[in-house]
């Protein structure tokens, strides 16, 4: 994994631990919208794709992909 993605996932994993159960989110919501926009677009896309794959593979067993996207066409997740 690219070094930038490793740093992104450290933050994502840390914030997921603190996130309350029964909460919906997108990655920019979780990461912090302003900080998310500062990341190079290619790294944001790769991080989003990798996170989705990890969720689908069961790496995050308490996270589910929601069937609808938000108004900005972002994938939505739910922590159970």
PDB file of N, CA and C in Angstrom:
ATOM      1  N   UNK A   1       0.851  -1.175   0.000  1.00  0.00           N
ATOM      2  CA  UNK A   1       0.000   0.000   0.000  1.00  0.00           C
ATOM      3  C   UNK A   1       0.893   1.233   0.000  1.00  0.00           C
ATOM      4  N   UNK A   2       0.489   2.229  -0.778  1.00  0.00           N
ATOM      5  CA  UNK A   2       1.251   3.467  -0.830  1.00  0.00           C
ATOM      6  C   UNK A   2       1.343   4.102   0.551  1.00  0.00           C
ATOM      7  N   UNK A   3       2.436   4.789   0.792  1.00  0.00           N
ATOM      8  CA  UNK A   3       2.646   5.429   2.092  1.00  0.00           C
ATOM      9  C   UNK A   3       1.514   6.398   2.430  1.00  0.00           C
ATOM     10  N   UNK A   4       1.042   7.153   1.419  1.00  0.00           N
ATOM     11  CA  UNK A   4      -0.043   8.103   1.652  1.00  0.00           C
ATOM     12  C   UNK A   4      -1.308   7.373   2.107  1.00  0.00           C
ATOM     13  N   UNK A   5      -1.587   6.217   1.489  1.00  0.00           N
ATOM     14  CA  UNK A   5      -2.769   5.452   1.870  1.00  0.00           C
ATOM     15  C   UNK A   5      -2.627   4.893   3.279  1.00  0.00           C
ATOM     16  N   UNK A   6      -1.433   4.493   3.649  1.00  0.00           N
ATOM     17  CA  UNK A   6      -1.200   3.997   5.004  1.00  0.00           C
ATOM     18  C   UNK A   6      -1.536   5.080   6.014  1.00  0.00           C
ATOM     19  N   UNK A   7      -1.103   6.300   5.751  1.00  0.00           N
ATOM     20  CA  UNK A   7      -1.401   7.418   6.653  1.00  0.00           C
ATOM     21  C   UNK A   7      -2.895   7.710   6.697  1.00  0.00           C
ATOM     22  N   UNK A   8      -3.555   7.662   5.549  1.00  0.00           N
ATOM     23  CA  UNK A   8      -4.997   7.900   5.478  1.00  0.00           C
ATOM     24  C   UNK A   8      -5.733   6.843   6.286  1.00  0.00           C
ATOM     25  N   UNK A   9      -5.339   5.571   6.135  1.00  0.00           N
ATOM     26  CA  UNK A   9      -6.035   4.494   6.834  1.00  0.00           C
ATOM     27  C   UNK A   9      -5.757   4.487   8.336  1.00  0.00           C
ATOM     28  N   UNK A  10      -4.632   5.018   8.765  1.00  0.00           N
ATOM     29  CA  UNK A  10      -4.398   5.160  10.205  1.00  0.00           C
ATOM     30  C   UNK A  10      -5.444   6.090  10.803  1.00  0.00           C
ATOM     31  N   UNK A  11      -5.713   7.181  10.111  1.00  0.00           N
ATOM     32  CA  UNK A  11      -6.709   8.149  10.585  1.00  0.00           C
ATOM     33  C   UNK A  11      -8.106   7.551  10.498  1.00  0.00           C
ATOM     34  N   UNK A  12      -8.422   6.907   9.369  1.00  0.00           N
ATOM     35  CA  UNK A  12      -9.740   6.293   9.199  1.00  0.00           C
ATOM     36  C   UNK A  12      -9.986   5.259  10.292  1.00  0.00           C
ATOM     37  N   UNK A  13      -9.036   4.376  10.521  1.00  0.00           N
ATOM     38  CA  UNK A  13      -9.198   3.331  11.532  1.00  0.00           C
ATOM     39  C   UNK A  13      -9.368   3.925  12.930  1.00  0.00           C
ATOM     40  N   UNK A  14      -8.601   4.969  13.228  1.00  0.00           N
ATOM     41  CA  UNK A  14      -8.703   5.626  14.523  1.00  0.00           C
ATOM     42  C   UNK A  14     -10.087   6.249  14.717  1.00  0.00           C
ATOM     43  N   UNK A  15     -10.581   6.903  13.688  1.00  0.00           N
ATOM     44  CA  UNK A  15     -11.895   7.545  13.796  1.00  0.00           C
ATOM     45  C   UNK A  15     -13.022   6.522  13.812  1.00  0.00           C
ATOM     46  N   UNK A  16     -12.844   5.395  13.126  1.00  0.00           N
ATOM     47  CA  UNK A  16     -13.859   4.342  13.165  1.00  0.00           C
ATOM     48  C   UNK A  16     -14.003   3.770  14.572  1.00  0.00           C
ATOM     49  N   UNK A  17     -12.896   3.635  15.281  1.00  0.00           N
ATOM     50  CA  UNK A  17     -12.943   3.117  16.647  1.00  0.00           C
ATOM     51  C   UNK A  17     -13.766   4.025  17.554  1.00  0.00           C
ATOM     52  N   UNK A  18     -13.660   5.325  17.334  1.00  0.00           N
ATOM     53  CA  UNK A  18     -14.353   6.306  18.173  1.00  0.00           C
ATOM     54  C   UNK A  18     -15.798   6.545  17.729  1.00  0.00           C
ATOM     55  N   UNK A  19     -16.141   6.115  16.530  1.00  0.00           N
ATOM     56  CA  UNK A  19     -17.472   6.363  15.982  1.00  0.00           C
ATOM     57  C   UNK A  19     -18.519   5.539  16.726  1.00  0.00           C
ATOM     58  N   UNK A  20     -19.601   6.182  17.085  1.00  0.00           N
ATOM     59  CA  UNK A  20     -20.687   5.500  17.794  1.00  0.00           C
ATOM     60  C   UNK A  20     -21.337   4.457  16.906  1.00  0.00           C
ATOM     61  N   UNK A  21     -21.861   3.421  17.541  1.00  0.00           N
ATOM     62  CA  UNK A  21     -22.636   2.417  16.807  1.00  0.00           C
ATOM     63  C   UNK A  21     -23.910   3.058  16.276  1.00  0.00           C
ATOM     64  N   UNK A  22     -24.496   2.410  15.278  1.00  0.00           N
ATOM     65  CA  UNK A  22     -25.736   2.879  14.657  1.00  0.00           C
ATOM     66  C   UNK A  22     -25.546   4.252  14.010  1.00  0.00           C
ATOM     67  N   UNK A  23     -24.390   4.450  13.368  1.00  0.00           N
ATOM     68  CA  UNK A  23     -24.067   5.725  12.735  1.00  0.00           C
ATOM     69  C   UNK A  23     -23.758   5.517  11.264  1.00  0.00           C
ATOM     70  N   UNK A  24     -24.321   6.378  10.422  1.00  0.00           N
ATOM     71  CA  UNK A  24     -24.025   6.373   9.000  1.00  0.00           C
ATOM     72  C   UNK A  24     -22.946   7.401   8.697  1.00  0.00           C
ATOM     73  N   UNK A  25     -22.160   7.130   7.664  1.00  0.00           N
ATOM     74  CA  UNK A  25     -21.072   8.046   7.314  1.00  0.00           C
ATOM     75  C   UNK A  25     -20.581   7.789   5.898  1.00  0.00           C
ATOM     76  N   UNK A  26     -19.879   8.771   5.352  1.00  0.00           N
ATOM     77  CA  UNK A  26     -19.089   8.596   4.134  1.00  0.00           C
ATOM     78  C   UNK A  26     -17.633   8.808   4.560  1.00  0.00           C
ATOM     79  N   UNK A  27     -16.688   8.444   3.733  1.00  0.00           N
ATOM     80  CA  UNK A  27     -15.284   8.626   4.125  1.00  0.00           C
ATOM     81  C   UNK A  27     -14.937  10.085   4.401  1.00  0.00           C
ATOM     82  N   UNK A  28     -15.367  11.035   3.555  1.00  0.00           N
ATOM     83  CA  UNK A  28     -15.055  12.432   3.883  1.00  0.00           C
ATOM     84  C   UNK A  28     -15.659  12.887   5.217  1.00  0.00           C
ATOM     85  N   UNK A  29     -16.858  12.382   5.546  1.00  0.00           N
ATOM     86  CA  UNK A  29     -17.454  12.706   6.850  1.00  0.00           C
ATOM     87  C   UNK A  29     -16.576  12.173   7.970  1.00  0.00           C
ATOM     88  N   UNK A  30     -16.136  10.959   7.819  1.00  0.00           N
ATOM     89  CA  UNK A  30     -15.338  10.293   8.837  1.00  0.00           C
ATOM     90  C   UNK A  30     -13.965  10.946   8.968  1.00  0.00           C
ATOM     91  N   UNK A  31     -13.344  11.227   7.853  1.00  0.00           N
ATOM     92  CA  UNK A  31     -11.967  11.734   7.828  1.00  0.00           C
ATOM     93  C   UNK A  31     -11.901  13.196   8.246  1.00  0.00           C
ATOM     94  N   UNK A  32     -12.901  13.966   7.942  1.00  0.00           N
ATOM     95  CA  UNK A  32     -13.049  15.411   8.105  1.00  0.00           C
ATOM     96  C   UNK A  32     -13.015  16.024   6.707  1.00  0.00           C
ATOM     97  N   UNK A  33     -14.120  16.602   6.335  1.00  0.00           N
ATOM     98  CA  UNK A  33     -14.324  17.114   4.975  1.00  0.00           C
ATOM     99  C   UNK A  33     -13.175  18.012   4.501  1.00  0.00           C
ATOM    100  N   UNK A  34     -12.767  18.963   5.315  1.00  0.00           N
ATOM    101  CA  UNK A  34     -11.696  19.881   4.901  1.00  0.00           C
ATOM    102  C   UNK A  34     -10.363  19.162   4.706  1.00  0.00           C
ATOM    103  N   UNK A  35     -10.046  18.252   5.616  1.00  0.00           N
ATOM    104  CA  UNK A  35      -8.801  17.498   5.489  1.00  0.00           C
ATOM    105  C   UNK A  35      -8.854  16.550   4.295  1.00  0.00           C
ATOM    106  N   UNK A  36     -10.031  15.972   4.038  1.00  0.00           N
ATOM    107  CA  UNK A  36     -10.209  15.063   2.912  1.00  0.00           C
ATOM    108  C   UNK A  36      -9.920  15.779   1.601  1.00  0.00           C
ATOM    109  N   UNK A  37     -10.402  17.022   1.459  1.00  0.00           N
ATOM    110  CA  UNK A  37     -10.194  17.777   0.220  1.00  0.00           C
ATOM    111  C   UNK A  37      -8.718  18.116  -0.011  1.00  0.00           C
ATOM    112  N   UNK A  38      -7.921  18.123   1.031  1.00  0.00           N
ATOM    113  CA  UNK A  38      -6.496  18.438   0.888  1.00  0.00           C
ATOM    114  C   UNK A  38      -5.684  17.266   0.341  1.00  0.00           C
ATOM    115  N   UNK A  39      -6.273  16.083   0.361  1.00  0.00           N
ATOM    116  CA  UNK A  39      -5.584  14.894  -0.150  1.00  0.00           C
ATOM    117  C   UNK A  39      -5.666  14.898  -1.672  1.00  0.00           C
ATOM    118  N   UNK A  40      -4.593  14.516  -2.317  1.00  0.00           N
ATOM    119  CA  UNK A  40      -4.551  14.406  -3.777  1.00  0.00           C
ATOM    120  C   UNK A  40      -5.702  13.528  -4.258  1.00  0.00           C
ATOM    121  N   UNK A  41      -6.396  13.951  -5.313  1.00  0.00           N
ATOM    122  CA  UNK A  41      -7.596  13.276  -5.807  1.00  0.00           C
ATOM    123  C   UNK A  41      -7.357  11.787  -6.085  1.00  0.00           C
ATOM    124  N   UNK A  42      -6.232  11.461  -6.662  1.00  0.00           N
ATOM    125  CA  UNK A  42      -5.931  10.058  -6.954  1.00  0.00           C
ATOM    126  C   UNK A  42      -5.849   9.215  -5.691  1.00  0.00           C
ATOM    127  N   UNK A  43      -5.269   9.783  -4.637  1.00  0.00           N
ATOM    128  CA  UNK A  43      -5.176   9.072  -3.364  1.00  0.00           C
ATOM    129  C   UNK A  43      -6.551   8.932  -2.709  1.00  0.00           C
ATOM    130  N   UNK A  44      -7.403   9.952  -2.867  1.00  0.00           N
ATOM    131  CA  UNK A  44      -8.771   9.852  -2.326  1.00  0.00           C
ATOM    132  C   UNK A  44      -9.535   8.728  -3.018  1.00  0.00           C
ATOM    133  N   UNK A  45      -9.412   8.656  -4.342  1.00  0.00           N
ATOM    134  CA  UNK A  45     -10.105   7.609  -5.104  1.00  0.00           C
ATOM    135  C   UNK A  45      -9.580   6.232  -4.697  1.00  0.00           C
ATOM    136  N   UNK A  46      -8.271   6.085  -4.613  1.00  0.00           N
ATOM    137  CA  UNK A  46      -7.694   4.794  -4.215  1.00  0.00           C
ATOM    138  C   UNK A  46      -8.114   4.417  -2.802  1.00  0.00           C
ATOM    139  N   UNK A  47      -8.119   5.381  -1.895  1.00  0.00           N
ATOM    140  CA  UNK A  47      -8.524   5.097  -0.516  1.00  0.00           C
ATOM    141  C   UNK A  47      -9.994   4.673  -0.467  1.00  0.00           C
ATOM    142  N   UNK A  48     -10.837   5.362  -1.216  1.00  0.00           N
ATOM    143  CA  UNK A  48     -12.253   5.011  -1.256  1.00  0.00           C
ATOM    144  C   UNK A  48     -12.482   3.616  -1.805  1.00  0.00           C
ATOM    145  N   UNK A  49     -11.805   3.288  -2.892  1.00  0.00           N
ATOM    146  CA  UNK A  49     -11.939   1.955  -3.485  1.00  0.00           C
ATOM    147  C   UNK A  49     -11.416   0.869  -2.539  1.00  0.00           C
ATOM    148  N   UNK A  50     -10.294   1.127  -1.911  1.00  0.00           N
ATOM    149  CA  UNK A  50      -9.712   0.153  -0.994  1.00  0.00           C
ATOM    150  C   UNK A  50     -10.611  -0.043   0.230  1.00  0.00           C
ATOM    151  N   UNK A  51     -11.156   1.047   0.754  1.00  0.00           N
ATOM    152  CA  UNK A  51     -12.042   0.928   1.915  1.00  0.00           C
ATOM    153  C   UNK A  51     -13.283   0.110   1.550  1.00  0.00           C
ATOM    154  N   UNK A  52     -13.877   0.384   0.394  1.00  0.00           N
ATOM    155  CA  UNK A  52     -15.048  -0.365  -0.052  1.00  0.00           C
ATOM    156  C   UNK A  52     -14.716  -1.850  -0.188  1.00  0.00           C
ATOM    157  N   UNK A  53     -13.571  -2.164  -0.793  1.00  0.00           N
ATOM    158  CA  UNK A  53     -13.165  -3.564  -0.926  1.00  0.00           C
ATOM    159  C   UNK A  53     -12.983  -4.228   0.438  1.00  0.00           C
ATOM    160  N   UNK A  54     -12.339  -3.516   1.361  1.00  0.00           N
ATOM    161  CA  UNK A  54     -12.127  -4.074   2.698  1.00  0.00           C
ATOM    162  C   UNK A  54     -13.458  -4.336   3.402  1.00  0.00           C
ATOM    163  N   UNK A  55     -14.408  -3.428   3.257  1.00  0.00           N
ATOM    164  CA  UNK A  55     -15.726  -3.629   3.869  1.00  0.00           C
ATOM    165  C   UNK A  55     -16.391  -4.852   3.249  1.00  0.00           C
ATOM    166  N   UNK A  56     -16.369  -4.938   1.924  1.00  0.00           N
ATOM    167  CA  UNK A  56     -17.006  -6.069   1.235  1.00  0.00           C
ATOM    168  C   UNK A  56     -16.339  -7.402   1.561  1.00  0.00           C
ATOM    169  N   UNK A  57     -15.051  -7.395   1.859  1.00  0.00           N
ATOM    170  CA  UNK A  57     -14.329  -8.617   2.200  1.00  0.00           C
ATOM    171  C   UNK A  57     -14.445  -8.975   3.680  1.00  0.00           C
ATOM    172  N   UNK A  58     -15.112  -8.128   4.468  1.00  0.00           N
ATOM    173  CA  UNK A  58     -15.325  -8.423   5.876  1.00  0.00           C
ATOM    174  C   UNK A  58     -14.214  -7.975   6.803  1.00  0.00           C
ATOM    175  N   UNK A  59     -13.277  -7.177   6.304  1.00  0.00           N
ATOM    176  CA  UNK A  59     -12.191  -6.686   7.151  1.00  0.00           C
ATOM    177  C   UNK A  59     -12.741  -5.824   8.283  1.00  0.00           C
ATOM    178  N   UNK A  60     -13.738  -5.004   7.966  1.00  0.00           N
ATOM    179  CA  UNK A  60     -14.437  -4.202   8.974  1.00  0.00           C
ATOM    180  C   UNK A  60     -15.784  -4.883   9.199  1.00  0.00           C
ATOM    181  N   UNK A  61     -15.849  -5.802  10.146  1.00  0.00           N
ATOM    182  CA  UNK A  61     -17.048  -6.625  10.293  1.00  0.00           C
ATOM    183  C   UNK A  61     -18.252  -5.880  10.861  1.00  0.00           C
ATOM    184  N   UNK A  62     -18.057  -4.696  11.415  1.00  0.00           N
ATOM    185  CA  UNK A  62     -19.185  -3.934  11.940  1.00  0.00           C
ATOM    186  C   UNK A  62     -19.609  -2.789  11.007  1.00  0.00           C
ATOM    187  N   UNK A  63     -19.053  -2.761   9.799  1.00  0.00           N
ATOM    188  CA  UNK A  63     -19.377  -1.721   8.815  1.00  0.00           C
ATOM    189  C   UNK A  63     -20.101  -2.357   7.644  1.00  0.00           C
ATOM    190  N   UNK A  64     -21.176  -1.720   7.215  1.00  0.00           N
ATOM    191  CA  UNK A  64     -21.952  -2.183   6.066  1.00  0.00           C
ATOM    192  C   UNK A  64     -22.016  -1.070   5.028  1.00  0.00           C
ATOM    193  N   UNK A  65     -22.073  -1.467   3.761  1.00  0.00           N
ATOM    194  CA  UNK A  65     -22.267  -0.516   2.674  1.00  0.00           C
ATOM    195  C   UNK A  65     -23.767  -0.304   2.516  1.00  0.00           C
ATOM    196  N   UNK A  66     -24.188   0.942   2.498  1.00  0.00           N
ATOM    197  CA  UNK A  66     -25.602   1.237   2.288  1.00  0.00           C
ATOM    198  C   UNK A  66     -25.901   1.240   0.790  1.00  0.00           C
ATOM    199  N   UNK A  67     -27.123   0.879   0.405  1.00  0.00           N
ATOM    200  CA  UNK A  67     -27.443   0.750  -1.024  1.00  0.00           C
ATOM    201  C   UNK A  67     -27.507   2.078  -1.783  1.00  0.00           C
ATOM    202  N   UNK A  68     -27.734   3.171  -1.096  1.00  0.00           N
ATOM    203  CA  UNK A  68     -27.838   4.475  -1.770  1.00  0.00           C
ATOM    204  C   UNK A  68     -26.606   5.318  -1.494  1.00  0.00           C
ATOM    205  N   UNK A  69     -26.290   6.193  -2.442  1.00  0.00           N
ATOM    206  CA  UNK A  69     -25.197   7.147  -2.250  1.00  0.00           C
ATOM    207  C   UNK A  69     -25.777   8.477  -1.782  1.00  0.00           C
ATOM    208  N   UNK A  70     -24.921   9.363  -1.285  1.00  0.00           N
ATOM    209  CA  UNK A  70     -25.405  10.664  -0.836  1.00  0.00           C
ATOM    210  C   UNK A  70     -25.556  11.618  -2.025  1.00  0.00           C
ATOM    211  N   UNK A  71     -25.960  12.849  -1.741  1.00  0.00           N
ATOM    212  CA  UNK A  71     -26.223  13.802  -2.821  1.00  0.00           C
ATOM    213  C   UNK A  71     -24.960  14.178  -3.599  1.00  0.00           C
ATOM    214  N   UNK A  72     -23.797  13.924  -3.029  1.00  0.00           N
ATOM    215  CA  UNK A  72     -22.530  14.179  -3.719  1.00  0.00           C
ATOM    216  C   UNK A  72     -22.008  12.916  -4.393  1.00  0.00           C
ATOM    217  N   UNK A  73     -22.866  11.895  -4.494  1.00  0.00           N
ATOM    218  CA  UNK A  73     -22.549  10.610  -5.123  1.00  0.00           C
ATOM    219  C   UNK A  73     -21.442   9.852  -4.392  1.00  0.00           C
ATOM    220  N   UNK A  74     -21.402  10.004  -3.090  1.00  0.00           N
ATOM    221  CA  UNK A  74     -20.422   9.305  -2.265  1.00  0.00           C
ATOM    222  C   UNK A  74     -21.048   8.039  -1.691  1.00  0.00           C
ATOM    223  N   UNK A  75     -20.243   7.006  -1.605  1.00  0.00           N
ATOM    224  CA  UNK A  75     -20.696   5.756  -0.997  1.00  0.00           C
ATOM    225  C   UNK A  75     -20.940   5.997   0.482  1.00  0.00           C
ATOM    226  N   UNK A  76     -22.070   5.481   0.965  1.00  0.00           N
ATOM    227  CA  UNK A  76     -22.427   5.618   2.368  1.00  0.00           C
ATOM    228  C   UNK A  76     -22.232   4.297   3.087  1.00  0.00           C
ATOM    229  N   UNK A  77     -21.815   4.393   4.322  1.00  0.00           N
ATOM    230  CA  UNK A  77     -21.565   3.232   5.164  1.00  0.00           C
ATOM    231  C   UNK A  77     -22.355   3.368   6.455  1.00  0.00           C
ATOM    232  N   UNK A  78     -22.507   2.259   7.163  1.00  0.00           N
ATOM    233  CA  UNK A  78     -23.214   2.246   8.428  1.00  0.00           C
ATOM    234  C   UNK A  78     -22.452   1.380   9.423  1.00  0.00           C
ATOM    235  N   UNK A  79     -22.172   1.953  10.585  1.00  0.00           N
ATOM    236  CA  UNK A  79     -21.512   1.172  11.639  1.00  0.00           C
ATOM    237  C   UNK A  79     -22.590   0.617  12.560  1.00  0.00           C
ATOM    238  N   UNK A  80     -22.644  -0.711  12.650  1.00  0.00           N
ATOM    239  CA  UNK A  80     -23.677  -1.338  13.483  1.00  0.00           C
ATOM    240  C   UNK A  80     -23.172  -1.606  14.890  1.00  0.00           C
TER     241      UNK A  80
END
